[in-house]
Structures are given as C-alpha cells and as structure tokens.
Amino acid sequence: MHVEDRWPLHVYCFYCKGCREDKAGRGYIGQVNTTVNGLQCQQWSSNTPQVPNPSYTDNRFPDGSRAAAENYCRNPDATWLKGVWCYTMDPDVRWEPCDVPECGKSQSPSLLLRYFNLFYSVKL
C-alpha cells in the first residue's frame, strides 16, 4: 500500500508566494499564468506559437526545468530586471510582463495543499 492510498493530502508546494522576493523575480514560484493584459501564458517547454530563446535552459528556472515551470510567469532572463513575464499564446504578441507584485510586509506566504483533486491555499 502506498502512502498516497492512505493519506491523500499532498503538499503541492512547500513555500509558495503570491509575490516576488525582489524586483527581477527570478526566484518566483507562484502560479500566475496570465499577463498584465490577460493573455494566457505559453508552456515554457513548448515551441508554439512562440519559439523560446534557446538560452533559457532548465537551470534558469526555480522549478528545476522548463517543463516543471509549466505556463507560469517566470524570469529566466538574467538581463531583465523588471519582474516575471511569459511568452503568450497569442501569435501576434511574443511576450508580456505578468502582474506579480514585489513582496511587502503586508503580504504573507501561503501553502498550497492538494486533497485528491481539490487545491487549498492556506495563508501562513
């Protein structure tokens, strides 16, 4: 019997934040996946409709890989200092920034839990 069979509660992310730690946001691991203009983000591991910069290798993502970053806003660009962004699913808009604020004293980290297929966000 697997532990999962007895205990269906899983910690999806140990320390998820709804904000970025610094201006560049390179360590951001939240789940925002739309741009400031509401466009859906493209999967980082996909080449359609946008072809990602080949220098954005797996080690540039705090998730550990492009695939693990899914279609969440990230900043794999060492020269971009203005926050997280993503390639868009709109063929006419290559990329856009995402609306993820810098962390402040009024914001607290949250824990994302999965119970079967339901997700719960718990403020710490």
N, C-alpha and C. Protein backbone atom coordinates (compact mmCIF):
# COMPACT_ATOMS: atom_id res chain seq x y z
N MET A 1 0.85 -1.18 0.00
CA MET A 1 0.00 0.00 0.00
C MET A 1 0.89 1.24 0.00
N HIS A 2 0.59 2.14 -0.90
CA HIS A 2 1.34 3.39 -0.98
C HIS A 2 0.84 4.38 0.06
N VAL A 3 1.70 5.26 0.48
CA VAL A 3 1.30 6.31 1.41
C VAL A 3 0.16 7.12 0.82
N GLU A 4 0.20 7.33 -0.51
CA GLU A 4 -0.85 8.12 -1.17
C GLU A 4 -2.22 7.47 -1.03
N ASP A 5 -2.27 6.14 -0.94
CA ASP A 5 -3.55 5.45 -0.79
C ASP A 5 -4.15 5.66 0.59
N ARG A 6 -3.30 5.84 1.58
CA ARG A 6 -3.79 6.03 2.95
C ARG A 6 -3.98 7.50 3.29
N TRP A 7 -3.19 8.36 2.69
CA TRP A 7 -3.19 9.76 3.07
C TRP A 7 -3.20 10.61 1.81
N PRO A 8 -4.37 10.98 1.31
CA PRO A 8 -4.45 11.68 0.03
C PRO A 8 -4.15 13.18 0.10
N LEU A 9 -3.64 13.65 1.22
CA LEU A 9 -3.30 15.07 1.33
C LEU A 9 -1.84 15.25 0.94
N HIS A 10 -1.58 16.11 -0.03
CA HIS A 10 -0.22 16.33 -0.52
C HIS A 10 0.12 17.81 -0.43
N VAL A 11 1.32 18.09 -0.02
CA VAL A 11 1.80 19.47 -0.07
C VAL A 11 2.28 19.69 -1.49
N TYR A 12 1.59 20.55 -2.21
CA TYR A 12 1.91 20.80 -3.61
C TYR A 12 3.16 21.66 -3.75
N CYS A 13 3.33 22.54 -2.82
CA CYS A 13 4.47 23.44 -2.86
C CYS A 13 4.78 23.83 -1.42
N PHE A 14 6.01 23.67 -1.00
CA PHE A 14 6.33 23.91 0.41
C PHE A 14 6.21 25.38 0.81
N TYR A 15 6.60 26.29 -0.05
CA TYR A 15 6.61 27.70 0.35
C TYR A 15 6.28 28.54 -0.87
N CYS A 16 5.01 28.57 -1.20
CA CYS A 16 4.58 29.30 -2.39
C CYS A 16 4.25 30.73 -2.01
N LYS A 17 4.61 31.62 -2.87
CA LYS A 17 4.32 33.02 -2.61
C LYS A 17 3.49 33.59 -3.74
N GLY A 18 2.64 34.50 -3.39
CA GLY A 18 1.86 35.22 -4.38
C GLY A 18 2.57 36.51 -4.76
N CYS A 19 3.82 36.60 -4.42
CA CYS A 19 4.60 37.80 -4.73
C CYS A 19 6.03 37.38 -5.04
N ARG A 20 6.78 38.32 -5.60
CA ARG A 20 8.18 38.03 -5.92
C ARG A 20 9.09 38.65 -4.88
N GLU A 21 10.15 37.96 -4.55
CA GLU A 21 11.07 38.37 -3.49
C GLU A 21 11.85 39.64 -3.81
N ASP A 22 12.14 39.84 -5.09
CA ASP A 22 12.93 41.02 -5.49
C ASP A 22 12.37 41.57 -6.79
N LYS A 23 12.95 42.65 -7.25
CA LYS A 23 12.44 43.31 -8.45
C LYS A 23 12.46 42.40 -9.67
N ALA A 24 13.55 41.64 -9.84
CA ALA A 24 13.68 40.77 -11.02
C ALA A 24 12.74 39.56 -10.95
N GLY A 25 12.49 39.04 -9.77
CA GLY A 25 11.57 37.92 -9.61
C GLY A 25 12.11 36.58 -10.07
N ARG A 26 13.41 36.41 -10.13
CA ARG A 26 13.97 35.15 -10.65
C ARG A 26 13.64 33.93 -9.78
N GLY A 27 13.37 34.13 -8.50
CA GLY A 27 13.04 33.01 -7.63
C GLY A 27 11.54 32.76 -7.49
N TYR A 28 10.71 33.51 -8.20
CA TYR A 28 9.26 33.40 -8.08
C TYR A 28 8.78 32.01 -8.52
N ILE A 29 8.00 31.34 -7.67
CA ILE A 29 7.47 30.02 -8.00
C ILE A 29 5.95 29.96 -7.86
N GLY A 30 5.31 31.11 -7.95
CA GLY A 30 3.85 31.15 -7.86
C GLY A 30 3.18 30.62 -9.11
N GLN A 31 1.87 30.72 -9.16
CA GLN A 31 1.11 30.12 -10.24
C GLN A 31 0.33 31.10 -11.10
N VAL A 32 0.78 32.34 -11.16
CA VAL A 32 0.15 33.29 -12.08
C VAL A 32 0.52 32.83 -13.49
N ASN A 33 -0.48 32.73 -14.37
CA ASN A 33 -0.22 32.27 -15.74
C ASN A 33 -0.93 33.11 -16.79
N THR A 34 -1.18 34.37 -16.44
CA THR A 34 -1.71 35.33 -17.41
C THR A 34 -0.90 36.61 -17.31
N THR A 35 -0.87 37.34 -18.41
CA THR A 35 -0.07 38.57 -18.48
C THR A 35 -0.86 39.77 -17.95
N VAL A 36 -0.21 40.91 -17.91
CA VAL A 36 -0.87 42.13 -17.43
C VAL A 36 -2.09 42.48 -18.27
N ASN A 37 -2.12 42.04 -19.51
CA ASN A 37 -3.27 42.30 -20.39
C ASN A 37 -4.21 41.11 -20.51
N GLY A 38 -4.04 40.11 -19.63
CA GLY A 38 -4.95 38.98 -19.59
C GLY A 38 -4.70 37.89 -20.61
N LEU A 39 -3.55 37.92 -21.28
CA LEU A 39 -3.23 36.87 -22.24
C LEU A 39 -2.75 35.62 -21.51
N GLN A 40 -3.13 34.47 -22.03
CA GLN A 40 -2.71 33.19 -21.45
C GLN A 40 -1.23 32.96 -21.76
N CYS A 41 -0.50 32.46 -20.78
CA CYS A 41 0.92 32.16 -20.96
C CYS A 41 1.10 30.83 -21.69
N GLN A 42 2.13 30.77 -22.49
CA GLN A 42 2.51 29.54 -23.21
C GLN A 42 3.34 28.65 -22.28
N GLN A 43 3.26 27.36 -22.46
CA GLN A 43 4.12 26.42 -21.74
C GLN A 43 5.57 26.75 -22.08
N TRP A 44 6.44 26.81 -21.08
CA TRP A 44 7.85 27.12 -21.33
C TRP A 44 8.52 26.05 -22.17
N SER A 45 8.05 24.83 -22.12
CA SER A 45 8.65 23.73 -22.87
C SER A 45 8.09 23.60 -24.29
N SER A 46 7.16 24.48 -24.64
CA SER A 46 6.55 24.42 -25.96
C SER A 46 7.23 25.39 -26.93
N ASN A 47 7.16 25.08 -28.19
CA ASN A 47 7.67 25.96 -29.24
C ASN A 47 6.56 26.57 -30.06
N THR A 48 5.34 26.50 -29.56
CA THR A 48 4.20 27.01 -30.29
C THR A 48 3.29 27.83 -29.39
N PRO A 49 2.83 29.00 -29.75
CA PRO A 49 3.11 29.68 -31.01
C PRO A 49 4.46 30.43 -31.01
N GLN A 50 5.06 30.61 -29.85
CA GLN A 50 6.34 31.33 -29.77
C GLN A 50 7.48 30.34 -29.64
N VAL A 51 8.60 30.63 -30.24
CA VAL A 51 9.80 29.80 -30.08
C VAL A 51 10.65 30.47 -29.01
N PRO A 52 10.81 29.81 -27.84
CA PRO A 52 11.57 30.42 -26.74
C PRO A 52 13.05 30.62 -27.08
N ASN A 53 13.64 31.55 -26.40
CA ASN A 53 15.07 31.80 -26.52
C ASN A 53 15.79 30.52 -26.09
N PRO A 54 16.69 29.98 -26.91
CA PRO A 54 17.36 28.72 -26.56
C PRO A 54 18.29 28.83 -25.34
N SER A 55 18.62 30.04 -24.95
CA SER A 55 19.48 30.19 -23.76
C SER A 55 18.70 29.98 -22.46
N TYR A 56 17.38 29.92 -22.53
CA TYR A 56 16.57 29.68 -21.33
C TYR A 56 16.50 28.18 -21.06
N THR A 57 17.60 27.66 -20.56
CA THR A 57 17.72 26.23 -20.25
C THR A 57 17.10 25.93 -18.89
N ASP A 58 16.96 24.65 -18.59
CA ASP A 58 16.30 24.21 -17.36
C ASP A 58 16.87 24.86 -16.10
N ASN A 59 18.17 25.07 -16.06
CA ASN A 59 18.78 25.64 -14.84
C ASN A 59 18.43 27.10 -14.61
N ARG A 60 17.76 27.73 -15.54
CA ARG A 60 17.33 29.12 -15.37
C ARG A 60 15.97 29.24 -14.68
N PHE A 61 15.35 28.12 -14.37
CA PHE A 61 14.02 28.13 -13.77
C PHE A 61 14.07 27.63 -12.33
N PRO A 62 13.45 28.36 -11.39
CA PRO A 62 13.49 27.94 -9.99
C PRO A 62 12.76 26.62 -9.75
N ASP A 63 11.92 26.22 -10.70
CA ASP A 63 11.19 24.96 -10.61
C ASP A 63 12.09 23.77 -10.91
N GLY A 64 13.25 24.02 -11.53
CA GLY A 64 14.18 22.96 -11.88
C GLY A 64 14.22 22.62 -13.36
N SER A 65 13.16 22.98 -14.08
CA SER A 65 13.13 22.72 -15.52
C SER A 65 12.07 23.58 -16.19
N ARG A 66 12.19 23.68 -17.51
CA ARG A 66 11.17 24.40 -18.29
C ARG A 66 9.83 23.68 -18.18
N ALA A 67 9.87 22.36 -18.22
CA ALA A 67 8.62 21.59 -18.13
C ALA A 67 7.93 21.80 -16.78
N ALA A 68 8.71 21.81 -15.71
CA ALA A 68 8.14 22.00 -14.38
C ALA A 68 7.57 23.40 -14.18
N ALA A 69 8.09 24.37 -14.93
CA ALA A 69 7.58 25.75 -14.85
C ALA A 69 6.22 25.88 -15.53
N GLU A 70 5.82 24.84 -16.23
CA GLU A 70 4.53 24.80 -16.93
C GLU A 70 4.30 26.07 -17.73
N ASN A 71 3.19 26.74 -17.50
CA ASN A 71 2.94 28.00 -18.21
C ASN A 71 2.85 29.16 -17.21
N TYR A 72 3.58 29.04 -16.10
CA TYR A 72 3.56 30.07 -15.08
C TYR A 72 4.53 31.20 -15.42
N CYS A 73 4.23 32.38 -14.96
CA CYS A 73 5.10 33.53 -15.17
C CYS A 73 6.43 33.30 -14.45
N ARG A 74 7.51 33.51 -15.15
CA ARG A 74 8.85 33.33 -14.61
C ARG A 74 9.77 34.40 -15.20
N ASN A 75 11.00 34.42 -14.75
CA ASN A 75 12.00 35.31 -15.34
C ASN A 75 13.32 34.57 -15.51
N PRO A 76 13.47 33.85 -16.64
CA PRO A 76 14.72 33.13 -16.89
C PRO A 76 15.80 34.01 -17.52
N ASP A 77 15.49 35.28 -17.74
CA ASP A 77 16.40 36.20 -18.43
C ASP A 77 17.27 36.95 -17.42
N ALA A 78 18.57 36.71 -17.45
CA ALA A 78 19.48 37.34 -16.49
C ALA A 78 19.58 38.84 -16.66
N THR A 79 19.17 39.37 -17.80
CA THR A 79 19.29 40.81 -18.04
C THR A 79 18.00 41.58 -17.77
N TRP A 80 16.87 40.89 -17.67
CA TRP A 80 15.57 41.55 -17.44
C TRP A 80 15.37 41.72 -15.94
N LEU A 81 15.29 42.97 -15.49
CA LEU A 81 15.20 43.25 -14.05
C LEU A 81 13.83 43.76 -13.61
N LYS A 82 12.84 43.70 -14.50
CA LYS A 82 11.55 44.31 -14.19
C LYS A 82 10.45 43.32 -13.83
N GLY A 83 10.81 42.13 -13.37
CA GLY A 83 9.79 41.19 -12.91
C GLY A 83 9.57 40.01 -13.82
N VAL A 84 8.59 39.21 -13.45
CA VAL A 84 8.28 37.99 -14.18
C VAL A 84 7.48 38.29 -15.43
N TRP A 85 7.54 37.36 -16.37
CA TRP A 85 6.88 37.52 -17.66
C TRP A 85 6.66 36.13 -18.26
N CYS A 86 6.04 36.11 -19.42
CA CYS A 86 5.90 34.83 -20.12
C CYS A 86 5.70 35.08 -21.61
N TYR A 87 5.97 34.03 -22.39
CA TYR A 87 5.58 34.03 -23.79
C TYR A 87 4.08 33.84 -23.81
N THR A 88 3.41 34.45 -24.78
CA THR A 88 1.95 34.37 -24.80
C THR A 88 1.45 33.37 -25.84
N MET A 89 0.21 32.97 -25.68
CA MET A 89 -0.44 32.07 -26.64
C MET A 89 -0.99 32.85 -27.83
N ASP A 90 -0.89 34.15 -27.81
CA ASP A 90 -1.32 34.99 -28.93
C ASP A 90 -0.19 35.04 -29.96
N PRO A 91 -0.39 34.54 -31.16
CA PRO A 91 0.68 34.53 -32.16
C PRO A 91 1.22 35.92 -32.49
N ASP A 92 0.42 36.95 -32.23
CA ASP A 92 0.84 38.32 -32.56
C ASP A 92 1.54 39.04 -31.41
N VAL A 93 1.57 38.44 -30.22
CA VAL A 93 2.22 39.05 -29.05
C VAL A 93 3.22 38.05 -28.49
N ARG A 94 4.51 38.29 -28.75
CA ARG A 94 5.55 37.33 -28.36
C ARG A 94 5.59 37.11 -26.85
N TRP A 95 5.66 38.19 -26.08
CA TRP A 95 5.74 38.05 -24.62
C TRP A 95 5.17 39.29 -23.97
N GLU A 96 4.81 39.16 -22.71
CA GLU A 96 4.34 40.30 -21.90
C GLU A 96 4.72 40.07 -20.45
N PRO A 97 4.85 41.16 -19.69
CA PRO A 97 5.08 41.00 -18.25
C PRO A 97 3.81 40.50 -17.56
N CYS A 98 3.99 39.98 -16.38
CA CYS A 98 2.88 39.49 -15.57
C CYS A 98 2.72 40.40 -14.35
N ASP A 99 1.52 40.46 -13.84
CA ASP A 99 1.23 41.31 -12.69
C ASP A 99 1.44 40.52 -11.40
N VAL A 100 2.70 40.45 -10.97
CA VAL A 100 3.06 39.79 -9.71
C VAL A 100 3.82 40.82 -8.89
N PRO A 101 3.23 41.31 -7.81
CA PRO A 101 3.88 42.38 -7.03
C PRO A 101 5.09 41.89 -6.25
N GLU A 102 5.96 42.84 -5.92
CA GLU A 102 7.06 42.52 -5.01
C GLU A 102 6.48 42.27 -3.63
N CYS A 103 7.11 41.38 -2.88
CA CYS A 103 6.63 41.06 -1.54
C CYS A 103 6.80 42.26 -0.62
N GLY A 104 5.80 42.49 0.17
CA GLY A 104 5.84 43.56 1.15
C GLY A 104 5.48 43.02 2.52
N LYS A 105 5.54 43.86 3.51
CA LYS A 105 5.26 43.42 4.88
C LYS A 105 3.82 43.01 5.07
N SER A 106 2.92 43.54 4.24
CA SER A 106 1.51 43.22 4.41
C SER A 106 1.14 41.89 3.76
N GLN A 107 2.03 41.33 2.94
CA GLN A 107 1.74 40.07 2.29
C GLN A 107 2.39 38.94 3.07
N SER A 108 1.69 37.84 3.15
CA SER A 108 2.26 36.69 3.87
C SER A 108 2.33 35.50 2.92
N PRO A 109 3.29 34.61 3.15
CA PRO A 109 3.40 33.43 2.29
C PRO A 109 2.21 32.51 2.49
N SER A 110 1.98 31.67 1.50
CA SER A 110 0.90 30.71 1.61
C SER A 110 1.41 29.33 1.25
N LEU A 111 0.67 28.35 1.68
CA LEU A 111 0.99 26.96 1.41
C LEU A 111 -0.13 26.41 0.53
N LEU A 112 0.22 25.74 -0.54
CA LEU A 112 -0.78 25.17 -1.42
C LEU A 112 -0.86 23.68 -1.16
N LEU A 113 -2.04 23.21 -0.79
CA LEU A 113 -2.24 21.80 -0.46
C LEU A 113 -3.17 21.17 -1.48
N ARG A 114 -2.95 19.89 -1.76
CA ARG A 114 -3.86 19.16 -2.63
C ARG A 114 -4.46 18.01 -1.85
N TYR A 115 -5.79 17.93 -1.87
CA TYR A 115 -6.52 16.83 -1.26
C TYR A 115 -7.33 16.20 -2.39
N PHE A 116 -6.94 15.02 -2.82
CA PHE A 116 -7.47 14.41 -4.04
C PHE A 116 -7.24 15.40 -5.17
N ASN A 117 -8.26 15.88 -5.85
CA ASN A 117 -8.06 16.84 -6.93
C ASN A 117 -8.51 18.24 -6.57
N LEU A 118 -8.62 18.52 -5.29
CA LEU A 118 -9.01 19.85 -4.83
C LEU A 118 -7.77 20.56 -4.27
N PHE A 119 -7.60 21.82 -4.59
CA PHE A 119 -6.47 22.58 -4.12
C PHE A 119 -6.94 23.62 -3.11
N TYR A 120 -6.14 23.78 -2.04
CA TYR A 120 -6.46 24.74 -1.00
C TYR A 120 -5.24 25.61 -0.75
N SER A 121 -5.45 26.90 -0.66
CA SER A 121 -4.38 27.83 -0.35
C SER A 121 -4.54 28.24 1.11
N VAL A 122 -3.49 28.07 1.88
CA VAL A 122 -3.52 28.38 3.32
C VAL A 122 -2.49 29.47 3.59
N LYS A 123 -2.94 30.60 4.12
CA LYS A 123 -2.02 31.69 4.49
C LYS A 123 -1.24 31.29 5.74
N LEU A 124 0.03 31.57 5.73
CA LEU A 124 0.88 31.26 6.90
C LEU A 124 1.05 32.48 7.77
